[in-house]
Every structure is written in structure tokens, then in C-alpha cells.
Amino acid sequence: MKRTNLKTMAMCIIAVAGLFACKPNNVTEEPKYEYDVYVAGNEYKENNAVAKVWKNGEVIELTDGSQHTVANSLIVVGSDLYVAGEEKNESSSIAKLWKNGKETKLTNGTNEAYALSVFVYGSDVYVAGWEGNKAILWKNSEATKLTVDNNDSGATSVYVSGNDVYVVGYEEQENKTVAMLWKNGQATKLSDGNENAEAESIFVSGSDVYVVGYEEKDDKRVAMLWKNGKATALTDGKEDAYARSVYVAGSDVYVAGNEYKGDNALAMLWKNGEAIKLTDGKEYARAYSVFVAGNDVYVAGYEKKENVFVAMLWKNGEATKLTDGKKSAGAYSVYVVKREVGK
């Protein structure tokens, strides 16, 4: 009896061991990722420019070319693509927002209007621009004036962080343009108003607020970075320069813009204040937008080639033409989405 029990136990142990031995090795494979690169801009088609988005180099036309249009800014949230821009007619321009190619008119064309920046936070869509020379923030297509007096003003960029909505731009005060920051509608001057200045782009990282633009000094425009209101010059003021876009990744601050060299402008990237030339200055070029994804730095802009402006994308300094150079074109905004392969 005892021997039988031992034999039974041994057979059970062998059976259980065999059961586990037959199981496949359940090792979870690490997901693989790839990046979708979106660029907004426009390209001429006969007499008018067509607002376009390039996704991984493939063209998405937002308009048919019957009117002059431009796509100034884009953002991708989930499966939705948002683009801000405007359409010009003979007498005015209309600020517009496209969601997945479907347009919404933000203005009616009574006053000249521009939509320069779009940001999505939760279910809310924010657009910054101006109408009738007044800085405007549209939230879900509802317009709010950022200034209440008769001074000319404009909003150039919007960023939302938590419960705070940040907008930058400019306001004319005593015949000078002042670089401005509006936080939840409250205005802060970034420049003192002694010389002309404008704020062009904003990025918020944690509790730090980064703004770029330019300020005139001794009749030259100097590319500027403001961090929490403290100004830093990116250029020496010997030639005109502009900072047009800012992106913060970790402890690194990237700024895209351009600096003149004689009659031509160089497309520039500044990383933590150090200048990187994207073009050689032989032809006119501008950088308008910068985005960082992983270890890669993307810059959108344009470069003149054989008297035609070509929409350009620089990835880690390496240039790629988005257009063939037959018609003038420009790239004004870049946004990169990381996604799992096959999804």
C-alpha cells in the first residue's frame, strides 16, 4: 500500500512537470514604434496658394486653389488632425480651422483675420490669431479679445497647461510694439516698450514658461528668448535675426528662426543658446517651427532654390525637400506623433 502511494505520487509529479514543460515560453515582446511626421504649409497652384499638410512626405490638400490659403499651425490628437490658417480673397482674409480636412470659419470676412496657432487640450480647441488688428483667442470657435483698448495687437501662439491658457503676441503702445504674454487673459509685458518687439512662440514645461521672438536694438532685430520673463539674446545684433518657434525637451531648449547674412537669411536652430546653421546662406531661407521626438530634432521652413521657394524639413540638420521647386511653397509648422507599429 505504501509502495503504491509512492508510485502514484511520483507519476503525479512527472505529469505536472510535463504539463509545465509543454507550455510555451510566454515572453512578452517589446512593442516597436515608428513616427509620423506632419508638416503644415502651402504651395502655389497657378495664381493661388493651396493650404497643405504633408504626412511623412505625402500631400494632403486642404483647399482646391480657388482662393489663396495657408496652413500656419497643426496639432495631432489621437486620430484627429487640427490645422489653423486663413483664406484670402480680393478684399479680406478669413481665419479658419480644419479638423480632419473639414473647415470651420472662425471669422466672416468683414475684417481681415489670421489664425496662426492651434492647441488642443482635452475636448477644447484653442486658436490664436487676430481679427481687425486685435489679438484674438478662439476657444471652440468662440472669440475673445485679449486687449480692450484701441491699440493694434496680435496673438501669435497659444499653449495650455493644466488650468492655465497662455497666449503670446504683441501690442502697439505709444508707437512701439511690445512683446506680450497673456495668462488666462491677464497681460504681462515681456519688453519695456522702448524698442519694437514681438513674441512669436510659447512652450510651457513644468512651472517654466518659455517665449521666443525678437526685439530691436540699435536698429537691428535681435532673436530673443524669455524664460519666466527673463530675457536672453540669442544673437549679437550685428545682423537682423528672428526667433520663431520654441520647444523644450527635458533640460534642452530648442529655438528655430533665421538670421540675416547680407541680403540672404540663414535658417537657424539654437540648442541651449548655441547656434546651428541649417543652411549656408548662399540662398534665402527661414526656419519657422521646431519639434523634438525621441532623439530627433525636426525643423520646418523653406529655402530659395533657383528663384523658387521650396518647402523644407530638416531632421537632425539633414534637409529634405517637401516640394519639387516648380512652384513656390513654404512649411510653417511641424508635429511628430509616436505610434506603435501596425496601429
Protein backbone atom coordinates (compact mmCIF):
# COMPACT_ATOMS: atom_id res chain seq x y z
CA MET A 1 0.00 0.00 0.00
CA LYS A 2 2.77 2.35 0.90
CA ARG A 3 4.69 1.48 -2.24
CA THR A 4 1.58 2.11 -4.37
CA ASN A 5 1.11 5.57 -2.83
CA LEU A 6 4.73 6.47 -3.57
CA LYS A 7 4.34 5.31 -7.16
CA THR A 8 1.17 7.34 -7.56
CA MET A 9 2.82 10.44 -6.14
CA ALA A 10 5.79 10.06 -8.49
CA MET A 11 3.51 9.73 -11.51
CA CYS A 12 1.65 12.88 -10.46
CA ILE A 13 4.89 14.82 -10.13
CA ILE A 14 6.01 13.68 -13.58
CA ALA A 15 2.65 14.63 -15.07
CA VAL A 16 2.71 18.09 -13.54
CA ALA A 17 6.29 18.66 -14.65
CA GLY A 18 5.38 17.58 -18.15
CA LEU A 19 2.45 19.92 -18.17
CA PHE A 20 4.67 22.90 -17.39
CA ALA A 21 7.34 21.71 -19.80
CA CYS A 22 4.85 21.68 -22.65
CA LYS A 23 3.79 25.27 -22.05
CA PRO A 24 5.24 27.80 -24.50
CA ASN A 25 7.67 30.40 -23.25
CA ASN A 26 5.37 33.39 -22.57
CA VAL A 27 7.88 36.16 -23.19
CA THR A 28 6.16 39.46 -23.95
CA GLU A 29 7.75 41.16 -26.92
CA GLU A 30 8.60 44.82 -26.52
CA PRO A 31 6.38 46.94 -28.77
CA LYS A 32 8.06 48.59 -31.72
CA TYR A 33 7.37 52.22 -32.51
CA GLU A 34 7.57 54.50 -35.51
CA TYR A 35 6.99 58.20 -36.05
CA ASP A 36 4.53 60.05 -38.24
CA VAL A 37 5.81 63.48 -39.24
CA TYR A 38 3.22 66.12 -40.10
CA VAL A 39 4.11 69.46 -41.70
CA ALA A 40 1.70 72.33 -42.46
CA GLY A 41 2.24 74.97 -45.11
CA ASN A 42 1.19 75.88 -48.61
CA GLU A 43 2.21 75.59 -52.25
CA TYR A 44 1.24 77.72 -55.20
CA LYS A 45 -1.06 76.28 -57.83
CA GLU A 46 -1.37 78.69 -60.76
CA ASN A 47 -2.23 82.07 -59.19
CA ASN A 48 -3.19 80.96 -55.68
CA ALA A 49 -1.53 79.03 -52.89
CA VAL A 50 -3.10 75.82 -51.61
CA ALA A 51 -3.08 75.06 -47.87
CA LYS A 52 -1.43 71.69 -47.40
CA VAL A 53 -0.30 69.11 -44.88
CA TRP A 54 2.49 66.70 -45.60
CA LYS A 55 2.27 63.42 -43.65
CA ASN A 56 5.52 61.52 -43.97
CA GLY A 57 6.07 63.42 -47.20
CA GLU A 58 2.66 62.56 -48.69
CA VAL A 59 0.47 65.56 -49.55
CA ILE A 60 -2.95 66.28 -48.06
CA GLU A 61 -4.59 69.28 -49.76
CA LEU A 62 -6.93 71.26 -47.54
CA THR A 63 -8.18 73.61 -50.27
CA ASP A 64 -8.77 73.50 -54.02
CA GLY A 65 -6.74 76.53 -55.11
CA SER A 66 -9.70 78.73 -55.96
CA GLN A 67 -8.57 81.13 -53.20
CA HIS A 68 -5.18 81.90 -51.69
CA THR A 69 -4.82 79.85 -48.50
CA VAL A 70 -2.15 78.94 -45.99
CA ALA A 71 -1.86 76.40 -43.18
CA ASN A 72 0.08 78.04 -40.34
CA SER A 73 -0.09 75.57 -37.47
CA LEU A 74 -1.09 71.98 -36.77
CA ILE A 75 -1.52 69.53 -33.93
CA VAL A 76 -2.46 65.85 -33.89
CA VAL A 77 -4.50 64.42 -31.03
CA GLY A 78 -5.35 60.74 -31.25
CA SER A 79 -6.67 60.20 -34.76
CA ASP A 80 -7.64 63.84 -35.25
CA LEU A 81 -5.64 66.38 -37.24
CA TYR A 82 -6.23 70.07 -36.48
CA VAL A 83 -4.87 72.84 -38.71
CA ALA A 84 -5.15 76.61 -38.30
CA GLY A 85 -4.74 79.05 -41.16
CA GLU A 86 -6.55 81.52 -43.36
CA GLU A 87 -8.08 82.07 -46.74
CA LYS A 88 -7.56 85.34 -48.59
CA ASN A 89 -9.94 86.86 -51.09
CA GLU A 90 -9.87 90.13 -53.02
CA SER A 91 -10.89 92.30 -50.07
CA SER A 92 -10.07 90.44 -46.86
CA SER A 93 -8.92 87.20 -45.24
CA ILE A 94 -10.87 84.67 -43.19
CA ALA A 95 -9.40 82.80 -40.21
CA LYS A 96 -10.05 79.08 -40.50
CA LEU A 97 -9.70 75.83 -38.62
CA TRP A 98 -9.60 72.45 -40.32
CA LYS A 99 -10.33 69.25 -38.40
CA ASN A 100 -9.55 66.15 -40.43
CA GLY A 101 -9.89 68.25 -43.57
CA LYS A 102 -13.28 69.74 -42.71
CA GLU A 103 -13.10 73.52 -42.41
CA THR A 104 -14.67 75.85 -39.88
CA LYS A 105 -14.72 79.59 -40.49
CA LEU A 106 -13.65 81.44 -37.37
CA THR A 107 -14.47 84.83 -38.89
CA ASN A 108 -16.92 86.05 -41.52
CA GLY A 109 -14.59 88.11 -43.68
CA THR A 110 -15.83 91.53 -42.55
CA ASN A 111 -12.42 92.24 -41.03
CA GLU A 112 -9.06 90.87 -42.08
CA ALA A 113 -8.24 87.90 -39.85
CA TYR A 114 -5.48 85.33 -39.37
CA ALA A 115 -5.28 82.07 -37.40
CA LEU A 116 -1.64 81.45 -36.52
CA SER A 117 -1.58 78.79 -33.81
CA VAL A 118 -3.73 75.85 -32.68
CA PHE A 119 -3.61 73.85 -29.45
CA VAL A 120 -5.93 71.09 -28.20
CA TYR A 121 -6.40 70.31 -24.52
CA GLY A 122 -8.97 67.69 -23.59
CA SER A 123 -12.06 68.40 -25.65
CA ASP A 124 -11.23 72.09 -26.10
CA VAL A 125 -9.66 73.56 -29.23
CA TYR A 126 -7.78 76.85 -28.89
CA VAL A 127 -6.69 79.06 -31.79
CA ALA A 128 -4.63 82.25 -31.52
CA GLY A 129 -4.54 85.00 -34.12
CA TRP A 130 -6.08 88.35 -34.81
CA GLU A 131 -9.06 89.99 -36.42
CA GLY A 132 -9.27 93.63 -37.38
CA ASN A 133 -5.82 94.26 -35.86
CA LYS A 134 -6.94 92.92 -32.46
CA ALA A 135 -5.40 89.92 -30.69
CA ILE A 136 -7.96 87.12 -30.53
CA LEU A 137 -8.16 83.77 -28.78
CA TRP A 138 -10.79 81.39 -30.11
CA LYS A 139 -11.91 78.60 -27.78
CA ASN A 140 -14.11 76.11 -29.56
CA SER A 141 -14.67 78.80 -32.24
CA GLU A 142 -15.82 81.43 -29.71
CA ALA A 143 -13.69 84.57 -29.94
CA THR A 144 -12.26 86.52 -27.02
CA LYS A 145 -10.38 89.78 -27.44
CA LEU A 146 -7.16 89.88 -25.45
CA THR A 147 -6.92 93.67 -25.48
CA VAL A 148 -9.65 96.17 -24.66
CA ASP A 149 -8.21 99.46 -25.89
CA ASN A 150 -7.76 100.80 -29.40
CA ASN A 151 -4.14 99.70 -29.75
CA ASP A 152 -3.25 97.36 -32.59
CA SER A 153 -2.37 93.90 -31.34
CA GLY A 154 -1.93 90.32 -32.46
CA ALA A 155 -1.75 86.84 -30.95
CA THR A 156 0.82 84.51 -32.47
CA SER A 157 0.93 81.36 -30.32
CA VAL A 158 -1.17 79.52 -27.72
CA TYR A 159 -0.25 76.83 -25.18
CA VAL A 160 -2.41 75.20 -22.50
CA SER A 161 -1.01 73.62 -19.33
CA GLY A 162 -3.41 72.36 -16.69
CA ASN A 163 -5.95 75.07 -15.97
CA ASP A 164 -3.79 77.81 -17.47
CA VAL A 165 -4.09 79.19 -21.00
CA TYR A 166 -1.04 81.07 -22.27
CA VAL A 167 -1.03 83.29 -25.35
CA VAL A 168 1.81 85.40 -26.71
CA GLY A 169 1.96 88.13 -29.31
CA TYR A 170 2.31 91.89 -29.36
CA GLU A 171 0.51 95.13 -28.64
CA GLU A 172 1.26 98.58 -30.00
CA GLN A 173 1.81 101.10 -27.22
CA GLU A 174 2.97 104.67 -27.80
CA ASN A 175 4.07 103.91 -31.37
CA LYS A 176 6.12 100.86 -30.33
CA THR A 177 5.18 97.19 -30.48
CA VAL A 178 5.56 95.45 -27.12
CA ALA A 179 6.11 91.69 -26.77
CA MET A 180 3.19 90.40 -24.72
CA LEU A 181 2.21 87.34 -22.70
CA TRP A 182 -1.38 86.74 -21.65
CA LYS A 183 -2.01 84.12 -18.95
CA ASN A 184 -5.70 83.40 -18.54
CA GLY A 185 -6.35 86.79 -20.12
CA GLN A 186 -4.04 88.75 -17.81
CA ALA A 187 -1.41 90.70 -19.74
CA THR A 188 2.30 90.82 -18.96
CA LYS A 189 4.84 92.88 -20.89
CA LEU A 190 7.94 90.94 -21.92
CA SER A 191 9.67 94.02 -23.33
CA ASP A 192 9.77 97.53 -21.91
CA GLY A 193 8.37 99.34 -24.94
CA ASN A 194 11.46 101.43 -25.60
CA GLU A 195 12.07 99.49 -28.82
CA ASN A 196 9.86 97.38 -31.05
CA ALA A 197 9.49 93.75 -30.01
CA GLU A 198 7.20 90.80 -30.70
CA ALA A 199 6.67 87.38 -29.13
CA GLU A 200 6.22 84.60 -31.68
CA SER A 201 6.00 81.25 -29.85
CA ILE A 202 5.44 79.80 -26.38
CA PHE A 203 6.18 76.47 -24.68
CA VAL A 204 5.43 75.52 -21.08
CA SER A 205 7.49 72.87 -19.28
CA GLY A 206 6.54 72.23 -15.68
CA SER A 207 6.48 75.60 -13.95
CA ASP A 208 8.71 77.25 -16.57
CA VAL A 209 7.33 79.40 -19.37
CA TYR A 210 9.48 79.85 -22.47
CA VAL A 211 8.75 82.51 -25.08
CA VAL A 212 10.71 83.47 -28.19
CA GLY A 213 10.54 86.39 -30.57
CA TYR A 214 12.61 89.43 -31.38
CA GLU A 215 13.47 92.85 -30.03
CA GLU A 216 15.02 95.80 -31.83
CA LYS A 217 18.35 97.09 -30.54
CA ASP A 218 20.27 99.84 -32.34
CA ASP A 219 18.09 99.46 -35.45
CA LYS A 220 18.73 95.70 -35.66
CA ARG A 221 16.32 92.94 -34.71
CA VAL A 222 17.75 90.50 -32.17
CA ALA A 223 16.41 86.95 -31.70
CA MET A 224 15.21 86.69 -28.10
CA LEU A 225 14.32 84.01 -25.58
CA TRP A 226 12.34 84.85 -22.46
CA LYS A 227 12.28 82.24 -19.66
CA ASN A 228 9.81 83.16 -16.95
CA GLY A 229 10.06 86.74 -18.17
CA LYS A 230 13.85 86.95 -18.09
CA ALA A 231 15.27 87.92 -21.48
CA THR A 232 18.25 86.31 -23.21
CA ALA A 233 19.58 87.46 -26.58
CA LEU A 234 20.31 84.60 -28.99
CA THR A 235 22.14 86.81 -31.49
CA ASP A 236 24.64 89.65 -31.18
CA GLY A 237 22.64 92.28 -33.04
CA LYS A 238 25.11 92.72 -35.89
CA GLU A 239 22.51 91.42 -38.34
CA ASP A 240 18.72 91.14 -38.18
CA ALA A 241 17.51 87.88 -36.64
CA TYR A 242 14.21 86.33 -35.58
CA ALA A 243 13.27 83.52 -33.19
CA ARG A 244 10.04 81.95 -34.42
CA SER A 245 9.47 78.70 -32.53
CA VAL A 246 10.50 77.13 -29.21
CA TYR A 247 10.39 73.53 -27.96
CA VAL A 248 11.65 72.16 -24.65
CA ALA A 249 12.72 68.52 -24.23
CA GLY A 250 13.99 67.66 -20.78
CA SER A 251 16.66 70.21 -19.92
CA ASP A 252 17.25 71.20 -23.56
CA VAL A 253 15.71 74.30 -25.12
CA TYR A 254 15.44 74.40 -28.91
CA VAL A 255 14.64 77.54 -30.88
CA ALA A 256 14.08 77.82 -34.64
CA GLY A 257 14.37 81.03 -36.62
CA ASN A 258 16.59 82.85 -39.04
CA GLU A 259 19.48 85.28 -39.10
CA TYR A 260 20.47 87.50 -41.98
CA LYS A 261 23.80 87.34 -43.73
CA GLY A 262 23.92 90.24 -46.16
CA ASP A 263 20.83 90.08 -48.35
CA ASN A 264 20.12 86.44 -47.56
CA ALA A 265 18.79 84.82 -44.41
CA LEU A 266 20.04 81.57 -42.91
CA ALA A 267 17.65 79.04 -41.41
CA MET A 268 18.84 78.64 -37.82
CA LEU A 269 18.43 76.32 -34.87
CA TRP A 270 19.61 77.25 -31.40
CA LYS A 271 20.08 74.50 -28.81
CA ASN A 272 20.57 75.88 -25.31
CA GLY A 273 21.72 79.12 -26.90
CA GLU A 274 24.28 77.54 -29.23
CA ALA A 275 23.66 78.40 -32.89
CA ILE A 276 23.38 75.70 -35.55
CA LYS A 277 23.20 76.75 -39.20
CA LEU A 278 20.69 74.72 -41.20
CA THR A 279 21.62 76.47 -44.46
CA ASP A 280 24.82 78.00 -45.79
CA GLY A 281 23.50 81.48 -46.58
CA LYS A 282 24.00 81.20 -50.32
CA GLU A 283 20.23 81.29 -50.78
CA TYR A 284 17.46 82.88 -48.73
CA ALA A 285 15.97 80.53 -46.10
CA ARG A 286 13.79 80.61 -42.99
CA ALA A 287 13.02 78.15 -40.20
CA TYR A 288 9.54 78.50 -38.72
CA SER A 289 8.89 75.56 -36.43
CA VAL A 290 10.81 73.05 -34.29
CA PHE A 291 9.67 69.77 -32.70
CA VAL A 292 11.61 67.14 -30.78
CA ALA A 293 10.65 63.45 -30.74
CA GLY A 294 12.94 60.98 -29.01
CA ASN A 295 16.48 61.81 -30.05
CA ASP A 296 15.42 63.54 -33.26
CA VAL A 297 15.01 67.26 -33.88
CA TYR A 298 12.69 68.35 -36.69
CA VAL A 299 12.57 71.84 -38.19
CA ALA A 300 10.17 73.13 -40.86
CA GLY A 301 10.75 76.11 -43.12
CA TYR A 302 11.68 76.98 -46.66
CA GLU A 303 14.71 77.70 -48.81
CA LYS A 304 15.00 79.56 -52.08
CA LYS A 305 16.33 77.43 -54.91
CA GLU A 306 16.66 78.84 -58.44
CA ASN A 307 14.33 81.75 -57.58
CA VAL A 308 11.62 79.45 -56.23
CA PHE A 309 10.87 78.88 -52.54
CA VAL A 310 10.90 75.19 -51.63
CA ALA A 311 9.16 73.82 -48.54
CA MET A 312 11.80 72.12 -46.39
CA LEU A 313 12.04 69.73 -43.47
CA TRP A 314 15.29 69.33 -41.58
CA LYS A 315 15.75 66.24 -39.39
CA ASN A 316 18.84 66.47 -37.22
CA GLY A 317 20.17 69.05 -39.66
CA GLU A 318 19.65 66.91 -42.77
CA ALA A 319 17.44 68.65 -45.32
CA THR A 320 14.53 67.08 -47.20
CA LYS A 321 12.54 68.86 -49.90
CA LEU A 322 8.79 68.62 -49.44
CA THR A 323 8.08 70.22 -52.81
CA ASP A 324 9.73 69.87 -56.22
CA GLY A 325 10.56 73.54 -56.74
CA LYS A 326 8.29 74.07 -59.72
CA LYS A 327 6.05 76.41 -57.69
CA SER A 328 6.86 78.43 -54.58
CA ALA A 329 5.94 76.80 -51.28
CA GLY A 330 6.54 77.11 -47.55
CA ALA A 331 6.45 74.91 -44.44
CA TYR A 332 5.38 76.68 -41.25
CA SER A 333 4.63 74.04 -38.62
CA VAL A 334 5.87 70.54 -37.78
CA TYR A 335 4.36 67.99 -35.40
CA VAL A 336 5.53 64.43 -34.78
CA VAL A 337 3.45 61.53 -33.44
CA LYS A 338 4.93 58.37 -31.95
CA ARG A 339 2.84 55.28 -32.53
CA GLU A 340 3.13 51.53 -32.22
CA VAL A 341 3.98 49.75 -35.47
CA GLY A 342 0.87 48.45 -37.16
CA LYS A 343 -1.51 50.69 -35.25
